[in-house]
PDB file of N, CA and C in Angstrom:
ATOM      1  N   MET A   1      14.545  -9.741 -47.052  1.00  0.00           N
ATOM      2  CA  MET A   1      15.595  -9.360 -47.913  1.00  0.00           C
ATOM      3  C   MET A   1      15.008  -8.247 -48.887  1.00  0.00           C
ATOM      4  N   LEU A   2      14.019  -8.549 -49.693  1.00  0.00           N
ATOM      5  CA  LEU A   2      13.647  -7.864 -50.836  1.00  0.00           C
ATOM      6  C   LEU A   2      13.371  -6.335 -50.376  1.00  0.00           C
ATOM      7  N   PRO A   3      12.764  -6.077 -49.174  1.00  0.00           N
ATOM      8  CA  PRO A   3      12.493  -4.631 -48.898  1.00  0.00           C
ATOM      9  C   PRO A   3      13.678  -3.820 -48.744  1.00  0.00           C
ATOM     10  N   ASN A   4      14.851  -4.433 -48.281  1.00  0.00           N
ATOM     11  CA  ASN A   4      16.070  -3.662 -48.081  1.00  0.00           C
ATOM     12  C   ASN A   4      16.871  -3.807 -49.102  1.00  0.00           C
ATOM     13  N   CYS A   5      16.749  -4.559 -50.219  1.00  0.00           N
ATOM     14  CA  CYS A   5      17.750  -5.023 -51.210  1.00  0.00           C
ATOM     15  C   CYS A   5      16.996  -4.861 -52.654  1.00  0.00           C
ATOM     16  N   GLN A   6      16.209  -3.912 -52.679  1.00  0.00           N
ATOM     17  CA  GLN A   6      15.559  -3.951 -54.046  1.00  0.00           C
ATOM     18  C   GLN A   6      16.385  -3.789 -55.232  1.00  0.00           C
ATOM     19  N   PHE A   7      17.586  -3.126 -55.224  1.00  0.00           N
ATOM     20  CA  PHE A   7      18.458  -3.081 -56.361  1.00  0.00           C
ATOM     21  C   PHE A   7      19.100  -4.398 -56.540  1.00  0.00           C
ATOM     22  N   SER A   8      19.657  -5.042 -55.621  1.00  0.00           N
ATOM     23  CA  SER A   8      20.346  -6.312 -55.691  1.00  0.00           C
ATOM     24  C   SER A   8      19.442  -7.295 -56.232  1.00  0.00           C
ATOM     25  N   CYS A   9      18.235  -7.390 -55.868  1.00  0.00           N
ATOM     26  CA  CYS A   9      17.122  -8.236 -56.154  1.00  0.00           C
ATOM     27  C   CYS A   9      16.426  -7.854 -57.503  1.00  0.00           C
ATOM     28  N   GLN A  10      16.807  -7.008 -58.085  1.00  0.00           N
ATOM     29  CA  GLN A  10      16.364  -6.337 -59.443  1.00  0.00           C
ATOM     30  C   GLN A  10      14.828  -6.225 -59.321  1.00  0.00           C
ATOM     31  N   ASP A  11      14.512  -5.498 -58.186  1.00  0.00           N
ATOM     32  CA  ASP A  11      13.010  -5.277 -57.892  1.00  0.00           C
ATOM     33  C   ASP A  11      12.802  -3.922 -57.605  1.00  0.00           C
ATOM     34  N   CYS A  12      13.573  -2.915 -58.311  1.00  0.00           N
ATOM     35  CA  CYS A  12      13.484  -1.511 -58.042  1.00  0.00           C
ATOM     36  C   CYS A  12      12.124  -1.056 -58.747  1.00  0.00           C
ATOM     37  N   GLU A  13      11.668  -0.098 -58.311  1.00  0.00           N
ATOM     38  CA  GLU A  13      10.587   0.465 -58.926  1.00  0.00           C
ATOM     39  C   GLU A  13      10.794   1.291 -60.215  1.00  0.00           C
ATOM     40  N   ASN A  14      11.866   1.721 -60.564  1.00  0.00           N
ATOM     41  CA  ASN A  14      12.552   2.365 -61.659  1.00  0.00           C
ATOM     42  C   ASN A  14      13.529   1.440 -62.234  1.00  0.00           C
ATOM     43  N   GLU A  15      13.858   1.771 -63.395  1.00  0.00           N
ATOM     44  CA  GLU A  15      14.752   0.914 -64.211  1.00  0.00           C
ATOM     45  C   GLU A  15      16.133   1.491 -64.212  1.00  0.00           C
ATOM     46  N   ALA A  16      16.394   2.550 -63.415  1.00  0.00           N
ATOM     47  CA  ALA A  16      17.712   3.280 -63.426  1.00  0.00           C
ATOM     48  C   ALA A  16      18.778   2.257 -62.861  1.00  0.00           C
ATOM     49  N   ASP A  17      19.920   2.334 -63.528  1.00  0.00           N
ATOM     50  CA  ASP A  17      21.109   1.609 -63.222  1.00  0.00           C
ATOM     51  C   ASP A  17      21.786   1.814 -61.930  1.00  0.00           C
ATOM     52  N   GLU A  18      21.653   3.122 -61.439  1.00  0.00           N
ATOM     53  CA  GLU A  18      22.197   3.516 -60.321  1.00  0.00           C
ATOM     54  C   GLU A  18      21.132   3.663 -59.248  1.00  0.00           C
ATOM     55  N   VAL A  19      21.493   3.479 -58.051  1.00  0.00           N
ATOM     56  CA  VAL A  19      20.686   3.642 -56.870  1.00  0.00           C
ATOM     57  C   VAL A  19      21.229   4.889 -56.120  1.00  0.00           C
ATOM     58  N   TYR A  20      20.407   5.737 -55.590  1.00  0.00           N
ATOM     59  CA  TYR A  20      21.030   6.753 -54.853  1.00  0.00           C
ATOM     60  C   TYR A  20      21.504   6.290 -53.514  1.00  0.00           C
ATOM     61  N   VAL A  21      22.788   6.622 -52.977  1.00  0.00           N
ATOM     62  CA  VAL A  21      23.215   6.363 -51.710  1.00  0.00           C
ATOM     63  C   VAL A  21      23.690   7.602 -50.988  1.00  0.00           C
ATOM     64  N   ASP A  22      23.106   7.833 -49.939  1.00  0.00           N
ATOM     65  CA  ASP A  22      23.577   8.942 -49.092  1.00  0.00           C
ATOM     66  C   ASP A  22      25.006   9.021 -49.025  1.00  0.00           C
ATOM     67  N   PRO A  23      25.741  10.148 -49.502  1.00  0.00           N
ATOM     68  CA  PRO A  23      27.185  10.146 -49.330  1.00  0.00           C
ATOM     69  C   PRO A  23      27.575  10.084 -47.830  1.00  0.00           C
ATOM     70  N   GLU A  24      26.846  10.345 -46.866  1.00  0.00           N
ATOM     71  CA  GLU A  24      27.158  10.284 -45.501  1.00  0.00           C
ATOM     72  C   GLU A  24      27.306   8.808 -45.168  1.00  0.00           C
ATOM     73  N   LEU A  25      26.937   7.930 -45.849  1.00  0.00           N
ATOM     74  CA  LEU A  25      26.952   6.290 -45.574  1.00  0.00           C
ATOM     75  C   LEU A  25      28.214   5.781 -46.298  1.00  0.00           C
ATOM     76  N   CYS A  26      29.013   6.729 -46.977  1.00  0.00           N
ATOM     77  CA  CYS A  26      30.285   6.091 -47.866  1.00  0.00           C
ATOM     78  C   CYS A  26      31.571   6.439 -47.139  1.00  0.00           C
ATOM     79  N   GLY A  27      32.443   5.700 -47.455  1.00  0.00           N
ATOM     80  CA  GLY A  27      33.868   6.014 -47.072  1.00  0.00           C
ATOM     81  C   GLY A  27      34.437   7.253 -48.134  1.00  0.00           C
ATOM     82  N   THR A  28      35.767   7.300 -47.636  1.00  0.00           N
ATOM     83  CA  THR A  28      36.403   8.496 -48.199  1.00  0.00           C
ATOM     84  C   THR A  28      37.750   7.992 -48.891  1.00  0.00           C
ATOM     85  N   GLY A  29      38.406   8.796 -49.649  1.00  0.00           N
ATOM     86  CA  GLY A  29      39.532   8.429 -50.343  1.00  0.00           C
ATOM     87  C   GLY A  29      39.480   7.089 -51.157  1.00  0.00           C
ATOM     88  N   GLU A  30      40.256   6.010 -50.864  1.00  0.00           N
ATOM     89  CA  GLU A  30      40.083   4.792 -51.754  1.00  0.00           C
ATOM     90  C   GLU A  30      38.851   4.015 -51.437  1.00  0.00           C
ATOM     91  N   LYS A  31      38.284   4.478 -50.301  1.00  0.00           N
ATOM     92  CA  LYS A  31      36.962   3.565 -49.930  1.00  0.00           C
ATOM     93  C   LYS A  31      35.698   4.533 -50.321  1.00  0.00           C
ATOM     94  N   SER A  32      35.921   5.558 -51.168  1.00  0.00           N
ATOM     95  CA  SER A  32      34.762   6.529 -51.572  1.00  0.00           C
ATOM     96  C   SER A  32      33.629   5.758 -52.273  1.00  0.00           C
ATOM     97  N   ASP A  33      33.934   4.738 -52.786  1.00  0.00           N
ATOM     98  CA  ASP A  33      32.847   3.907 -53.509  1.00  0.00           C
ATOM     99  C   ASP A  33      32.254   2.793 -52.721  1.00  0.00           C
ATOM    100  N   CYS A  34      32.812   2.754 -51.481  1.00  0.00           N
ATOM    101  CA  CYS A  34      32.343   1.774 -50.354  1.00  0.00           C
ATOM    102  C   CYS A  34      31.358   2.483 -49.482  1.00  0.00           C
ATOM    103  N   CYS A  35      30.093   1.896 -49.434  1.00  0.00           N
ATOM    104  CA  CYS A  35      29.020   2.432 -48.677  1.00  0.00           C
ATOM    105  C   CYS A  35      28.323   1.506 -47.944  1.00  0.00           C
ATOM    106  N   ASP A  36      27.582   1.985 -46.998  1.00  0.00           N
ATOM    107  CA  ASP A  36      26.487   1.162 -46.393  1.00  0.00           C
ATOM    108  C   ASP A  36      25.026   1.459 -47.000  1.00  0.00           C
ATOM    109  N   SER A  37      24.213   0.494 -47.101  1.00  0.00           N
ATOM    110  CA  SER A  37      22.998   0.800 -47.719  1.00  0.00           C
ATOM    111  C   SER A  37      21.829   0.917 -46.645  1.00  0.00           C
ATOM    112  N   HIS A  38      22.177   1.149 -45.661  1.00  0.00           N
ATOM    113  CA  HIS A  38      21.136   1.332 -44.457  1.00  0.00           C
ATOM    114  C   HIS A  38      21.853   2.260 -43.393  1.00  0.00           C
ATOM    115  N   PRO A  39      21.178   3.397 -43.006  1.00  0.00           N
ATOM    116  CA  PRO A  39      21.663   4.132 -41.884  1.00  0.00           C
ATOM    117  C   PRO A  39      22.185   3.425 -40.611  1.00  0.00           C
ATOM    118  N   SER A  40      21.439   2.369 -40.322  1.00  0.00           N
ATOM    119  CA  SER A  40      21.757   1.726 -39.094  1.00  0.00           C
ATOM    120  C   SER A  40      22.858   0.728 -39.129  1.00  0.00           C
ATOM    121  N   CYS A  41      23.655   0.586 -40.242  1.00  0.00           N
ATOM    122  CA  CYS A  41      24.766  -0.254 -40.257  1.00  0.00           C
ATOM    123  C   CYS A  41      25.627  -0.110 -39.359  1.00  0.00           C
ATOM    124  N   ALA A  42      26.290   1.265 -39.086  1.00  0.00           N
ATOM    125  CA  ALA A  42      27.340   1.338 -37.910  1.00  0.00           C
ATOM    126  C   ALA A  42      26.903   0.838 -36.646  1.00  0.00           C
ATOM    127  N   HIS A  43      25.497   1.009 -36.360  1.00  0.00           N
ATOM    128  CA  HIS A  43      24.952   0.541 -34.873  1.00  0.00           C
ATOM    129  C   HIS A  43      25.093  -0.991 -34.973  1.00  0.00           C
ATOM    130  N   TRP A  44      24.404  -1.572 -36.071  1.00  0.00           N
ATOM    131  CA  TRP A  44      24.370  -3.031 -36.019  1.00  0.00           C
ATOM    132  C   TRP A  44      25.764  -3.639 -36.032  1.00  0.00           C
ATOM    133  N   ALA A  45      26.670  -3.019 -36.786  1.00  0.00           N
ATOM    134  CA  ALA A  45      28.121  -3.579 -36.615  1.00  0.00           C
ATOM    135  C   ALA A  45      28.670  -3.482 -35.264  1.00  0.00           C
ATOM    136  N   SER A  46      28.323  -2.410 -34.685  1.00  0.00           N
ATOM    137  CA  SER A  46      28.955  -2.238 -33.230  1.00  0.00           C
ATOM    138  C   SER A  46      28.431  -3.176 -32.320  1.00  0.00           C
ATOM    139  N   VAL A  47      27.237  -3.801 -32.531  1.00  0.00           N
ATOM    140  CA  VAL A  47      26.719  -4.686 -31.585  1.00  0.00           C
ATOM    141  C   VAL A  47      26.968  -6.222 -32.092  1.00  0.00           C
ATOM    142  N   GLY A  48      27.740  -6.480 -33.172  1.00  0.00           N
ATOM    143  CA  GLY A  48      28.282  -7.754 -33.518  1.00  0.00           C
ATOM    144  C   GLY A  48      27.411  -8.264 -34.703  1.00  0.00           C
ATOM    145  N   GLU A  49      26.639  -7.573 -35.470  1.00  0.00           N
ATOM    146  CA  GLU A  49      25.884  -8.145 -36.586  1.00  0.00           C
ATOM    147  C   GLU A  49      26.678  -8.366 -37.609  1.00  0.00           C
ATOM    148  N   CYS A  50      27.842  -8.006 -37.975  1.00  0.00           N
ATOM    149  CA  CYS A  50      28.784  -8.457 -39.016  1.00  0.00           C
ATOM    150  C   CYS A  50      29.150  -9.793 -38.982  1.00  0.00           C
ATOM    151  N   GLU A  51      29.197 -10.347 -37.658  1.00  0.00           N
ATOM    152  CA  GLU A  51      29.515 -11.761 -37.523  1.00  0.00           C
ATOM    153  C   GLU A  51      28.202 -12.579 -37.493  1.00  0.00           C
ATOM    154  N   ARG A  52      27.183 -12.190 -36.604  1.00  0.00           N
ATOM    155  CA  ARG A  52      25.874 -12.751 -36.499  1.00  0.00           C
ATOM    156  C   ARG A  52      25.082 -13.025 -37.791  1.00  0.00           C
ATOM    157  N   ASN A  53      25.194 -11.890 -38.473  1.00  0.00           N
ATOM    158  CA  ASN A  53      24.228 -11.879 -39.767  1.00  0.00           C
ATOM    159  C   ASN A  53      25.181 -11.520 -41.010  1.00  0.00           C
ATOM    160  N   ARG A  54      26.088 -12.403 -41.050  1.00  0.00           N
ATOM    161  CA  ARG A  54      27.222 -12.112 -42.109  1.00  0.00           C
ATOM    162  C   ARG A  54      26.751 -11.941 -43.558  1.00  0.00           C
ATOM    163  N   ASN A  55      25.865 -12.812 -44.004  1.00  0.00           N
ATOM    164  CA  ASN A  55      25.385 -12.698 -45.324  1.00  0.00           C
ATOM    165  C   ASN A  55      24.665 -11.367 -45.777  1.00  0.00           C
ATOM    166  N   TYR A  56      23.910 -10.864 -44.940  1.00  0.00           N
ATOM    167  CA  TYR A  56      23.375  -9.702 -45.126  1.00  0.00           C
ATOM    168  C   TYR A  56      24.412  -8.431 -44.959  1.00  0.00           C
ATOM    169  N   MET A  57      25.066  -8.403 -43.935  1.00  0.00           N
ATOM    170  CA  MET A  57      25.940  -7.295 -43.426  1.00  0.00           C
ATOM    171  C   MET A  57      27.021  -7.204 -44.331  1.00  0.00           C
ATOM    172  N   MET A  58      27.703  -8.293 -44.927  1.00  0.00           N
ATOM    173  CA  MET A  58      28.972  -8.169 -45.748  1.00  0.00           C
ATOM    174  C   MET A  58      28.509  -7.476 -47.141  1.00  0.00           C
ATOM    175  N   LEU A  59      27.308  -7.533 -47.562  1.00  0.00           N
ATOM    176  CA  LEU A  59      27.078  -7.105 -48.703  1.00  0.00           C
ATOM    177  C   LEU A  59      26.251  -5.681 -48.596  1.00  0.00           C
ATOM    178  N   ASN A  60      25.498  -5.390 -47.620  1.00  0.00           N
ATOM    179  CA  ASN A  60      24.808  -4.136 -47.423  1.00  0.00           C
ATOM    180  C   ASN A  60      25.301  -3.179 -46.521  1.00  0.00           C
ATOM    181  N   CYS A  61      26.260  -3.637 -45.560  1.00  0.00           N
ATOM    182  CA  CYS A  61      27.078  -2.711 -44.624  1.00  0.00           C
ATOM    183  C   CYS A  61      28.400  -2.865 -44.819  1.00  0.00           C
ATOM    184  N   MET A  62      28.867  -2.762 -46.114  1.00  0.00           N
ATOM    185  CA  MET A  62      30.373  -3.048 -46.404  1.00  0.00           C
ATOM    186  C   MET A  62      31.327  -1.957 -45.609  1.00  0.00           C
ATOM    187  N   LEU A  63      30.874  -0.830 -45.553  1.00  0.00           N
ATOM    188  CA  LEU A  63      31.755   0.250 -44.955  1.00  0.00           C
ATOM    189  C   LEU A  63      31.817  -0.145 -43.432  1.00  0.00           C
ATOM    190  N   SER A  64      30.743  -0.376 -42.750  1.00  0.00           N
ATOM    191  CA  SER A  64      30.834  -0.500 -41.280  1.00  0.00           C
ATOM    192  C   SER A  64      31.431  -1.829 -40.970  1.00  0.00           C
ATOM    193  N   CYS A  65      31.335  -2.961 -41.753  1.00  0.00           N
ATOM    194  CA  CYS A  65      31.874  -4.317 -41.477  1.00  0.00           C
ATOM    195  C   CYS A  65      33.346  -4.468 -42.241  1.00  0.00           C
ATOM    196  N   ASP A  66      33.795  -3.317 -42.663  1.00  0.00           N
ATOM    197  CA  ASP A  66      35.017  -3.215 -43.423  1.00  0.00           C
ATOM    198  C   ASP A  66      35.288  -4.453 -44.484  1.00  0.00           C
ATOM    199  N   SER A  67      34.165  -4.602 -45.193  1.00  0.00           N
ATOM    200  CA  SER A  67      34.219  -5.591 -46.239  1.00  0.00           C
ATOM    201  C   SER A  67      34.109  -5.076 -47.691  1.00  0.00           C
ATOM    202  N   CYS A  68      34.719  -3.732 -47.875  1.00  0.00           N
ATOM    203  CA  CYS A  68      34.634  -3.195 -49.111  1.00  0.00           C
ATOM    204  C   CYS A  68      35.448  -4.077 -50.197  1.00  0.00           C
ATOM    205  N   ILE A  69      34.880  -4.133 -51.309  1.00  0.00           N
ATOM    206  CA  ILE A  69      35.496  -4.906 -52.479  1.00  0.00           C
ATOM    207  C   ILE A  69      36.086  -3.819 -53.546  1.00  0.00           C
ATOM    208  N   THR A  70      37.301  -3.894 -53.612  1.00  0.00           N
ATOM    209  CA  THR A  70      37.968  -2.893 -54.624  1.00  0.00           C
ATOM    210  C   THR A  70      38.168  -3.357 -56.010  1.00  0.00           C
ATOM    211  N   ASP A  71      38.357  -4.815 -56.108  1.00  0.00           N
ATOM    212  CA  ASP A  71      38.498  -5.210 -57.373  1.00  0.00           C
ATOM    213  C   ASP A  71      37.299  -5.289 -58.245  1.00  0.00           C
ATOM    214  N   PRO A  72      37.158  -4.566 -59.401  1.00  0.00           N
ATOM    215  CA  PRO A  72      35.874  -4.604 -60.092  1.00  0.00           C
ATOM    216  C   PRO A  72      35.289  -5.842 -60.635  1.00  0.00           C
ATOM    217  N   VAL A  73      35.984  -6.947 -60.820  1.00  0.00           N
ATOM    218  CA  VAL A  73      35.440  -8.261 -61.085  1.00  0.00           C
ATOM    219  C   VAL A  73      34.915  -8.933 -59.860  1.00  0.00           C
ATOM    220  N   ALA A  74      35.544  -8.782 -58.643  1.00  0.00           N
ATOM    221  CA  ALA A  74      35.023  -9.201 -57.460  1.00  0.00           C
ATOM    222  C   ALA A  74      33.784  -8.606 -56.945  1.00  0.00           C
ATOM    223  N   ARG A  75      33.858  -7.321 -57.386  1.00  0.00           N
ATOM    224  CA  ARG A  75      32.528  -6.445 -56.904  1.00  0.00           C
ATOM    225  C   ARG A  75      31.388  -6.988 -57.826  1.00  0.00           C
ATOM    226  N   GLN A  76      31.692  -7.264 -59.061  1.00  0.00           N
ATOM    227  CA  GLN A  76      30.482  -7.788 -59.917  1.00  0.00           C
ATOM    228  C   GLN A  76      29.840  -9.290 -59.445  1.00  0.00           C
ATOM    229  N   LEU A  77      30.945 -10.014 -59.143  1.00  0.00           N
ATOM    230  CA  LEU A  77      30.519 -11.296 -58.583  1.00  0.00           C
ATOM    231  C   LEU A  77      29.751 -11.237 -57.241  1.00  0.00           C
ATOM    232  N   ALA A  78      30.165 -10.225 -56.394  1.00  0.00           N
ATOM    233  CA  ALA A  78      29.360  -9.964 -55.132  1.00  0.00           C
ATOM    234  C   ALA A  78      28.069  -9.589 -55.455  1.00  0.00           C
ATOM    235  N   LYS A  79      27.868  -8.691 -56.351  1.00  0.00           N
ATOM    236  CA  LYS A  79      26.501  -8.195 -56.806  1.00  0.00           C
ATOM    237  C   LYS A  79      25.756  -9.488 -57.216  1.00  0.00           C
ATOM    238  N   ARG A  80      26.325 -10.351 -58.046  1.00  0.00           N
ATOM    239  CA  ARG A  80      25.538 -11.523 -58.441  1.00  0.00           C
ATOM    240  C   ARG A  80      25.360 -12.399 -57.464  1.00  0.00           C
ATOM    241  N   LEU A  81      26.133 -12.714 -56.402  1.00  0.00           N
ATOM    242  CA  LEU A  81      25.854 -13.422 -55.281  1.00  0.00           C
ATOM    243  C   LEU A  81      24.666 -12.860 -54.618  1.00  0.00           C
ATOM    244  N   GLY A  82      24.637 -11.627 -54.472  1.00  0.00           N
ATOM    245  CA  GLY A  82      23.475 -10.887 -53.572  1.00  0.00           C
ATOM    246  C   GLY A  82      22.252 -11.307 -54.457  1.00  0.00           C
ATOM    247  N   GLN A  83      22.170 -11.228 -55.572  1.00  0.00           N
ATOM    248  CA  GLN A  83      21.128 -11.476 -56.544  1.00  0.00           C
ATOM    249  C   GLN A  83      20.415 -12.887 -56.112  1.00  0.00           C
ATOM    250  N   PHE A  84      21.563 -13.835 -56.267  1.00  0.00           N
ATOM    251  CA  PHE A  84      21.231 -15.281 -56.019  1.00  0.00           C
ATOM    252  C   PHE A  84      20.653 -15.479 -54.611  1.00  0.00           C
ATOM    253  N   TRP A  85      21.184 -14.868 -53.628  1.00  0.00           N
ATOM    254  CA  TRP A  85      20.786 -14.804 -52.225  1.00  0.00           C
ATOM    255  C   TRP A  85      19.281 -14.393 -52.067  1.00  0.00           C
ATOM    256  N   CYS A  86      18.961 -13.315 -52.793  1.00  0.00           N
ATOM    257  CA  CYS A  86      17.792 -12.770 -52.809  1.00  0.00           C
ATOM    258  C   CYS A  86      16.611 -13.744 -53.343  1.00  0.00           C
ATOM    259  N   ARG A  87      17.051 -14.364 -54.493  1.00  0.00           N
ATOM    260  CA  ARG A  87      16.055 -15.272 -55.145  1.00  0.00           C
ATOM    261  C   ARG A  87      15.977 -16.359 -54.265  1.00  0.00           C
ATOM    262  N   ALA A  88      17.012 -16.970 -53.605  1.00  0.00           N
ATOM    263  CA  ALA A  88      16.792 -18.168 -52.845  1.00  0.00           C
ATOM    264  C   ALA A  88      15.764 -17.691 -51.675  1.00  0.00           C
ATOM    265  N   GLN A  89      16.152 -16.534 -50.942  1.00  0.00           N
ATOM    266  CA  GLN A  89      15.158 -16.135 -49.953  1.00  0.00           C
ATOM    267  C   GLN A  89      13.751 -15.985 -50.331  1.00  0.00           C
ATOM    268  N   ILE A  90      13.345 -15.552 -51.546  1.00  0.00           N
ATOM    269  CA  ILE A  90      12.167 -15.391 -51.983  1.00  0.00           C
ATOM    270  C   ILE A  90      11.423 -16.699 -52.188  1.00  0.00           C
ATOM    271  N   SER A  91      12.340 -17.615 -52.799  1.00  0.00           N
ATOM    272  CA  SER A  91      11.785 -19.014 -53.068  1.00  0.00           C
ATOM    273  C   SER A  91      11.469 -19.682 -51.838  1.00  0.00           C
ATOM    274  N   PHE A  92      12.272 -19.541 -50.839  1.00  0.00           N
ATOM    275  CA  PHE A  92      12.209 -20.232 -49.527  1.00  0.00           C
ATOM    276  C   PHE A  92      10.942 -19.836 -48.815  1.00  0.00           C
ATOM    277  N   THR A  93      10.755 -18.318 -48.904  1.00  0.00           N
ATOM    278  CA  THR A  93       9.446 -17.910 -48.132  1.00  0.00           C
ATOM    279  C   THR A  93       8.170 -18.053 -48.909  1.00  0.00           C
ATOM    280  N   LEU A  94       8.139 -18.582 -50.132  1.00  0.00           N
ATOM    281  CA  LEU A  94       6.873 -18.704 -50.983  1.00  0.00           C
ATOM    282  C   LEU A  94       6.244 -20.102 -50.628  1.00  0.00           C
TER     283      LEU A  94
END
């Protein structure tokens, strides 16, 4: 989890609040702030990973899995859940 979710896991090399996301991985219109964090998200979604690997995909491939969160409070909660998931994964693997 950590190599792919450094921002959510608060393990970025820099202290910037924003992480660069390729605009090609984001939606348009109302979904313009809904992005995939990995260029392979669309492929993974097409082969069923949104269902098989739900915890990762719903947070990191939001556009491809159609799991965009538009409510700001819900978006903050999702970010915190992602941080919790990351810490749990790190603790489990140590």
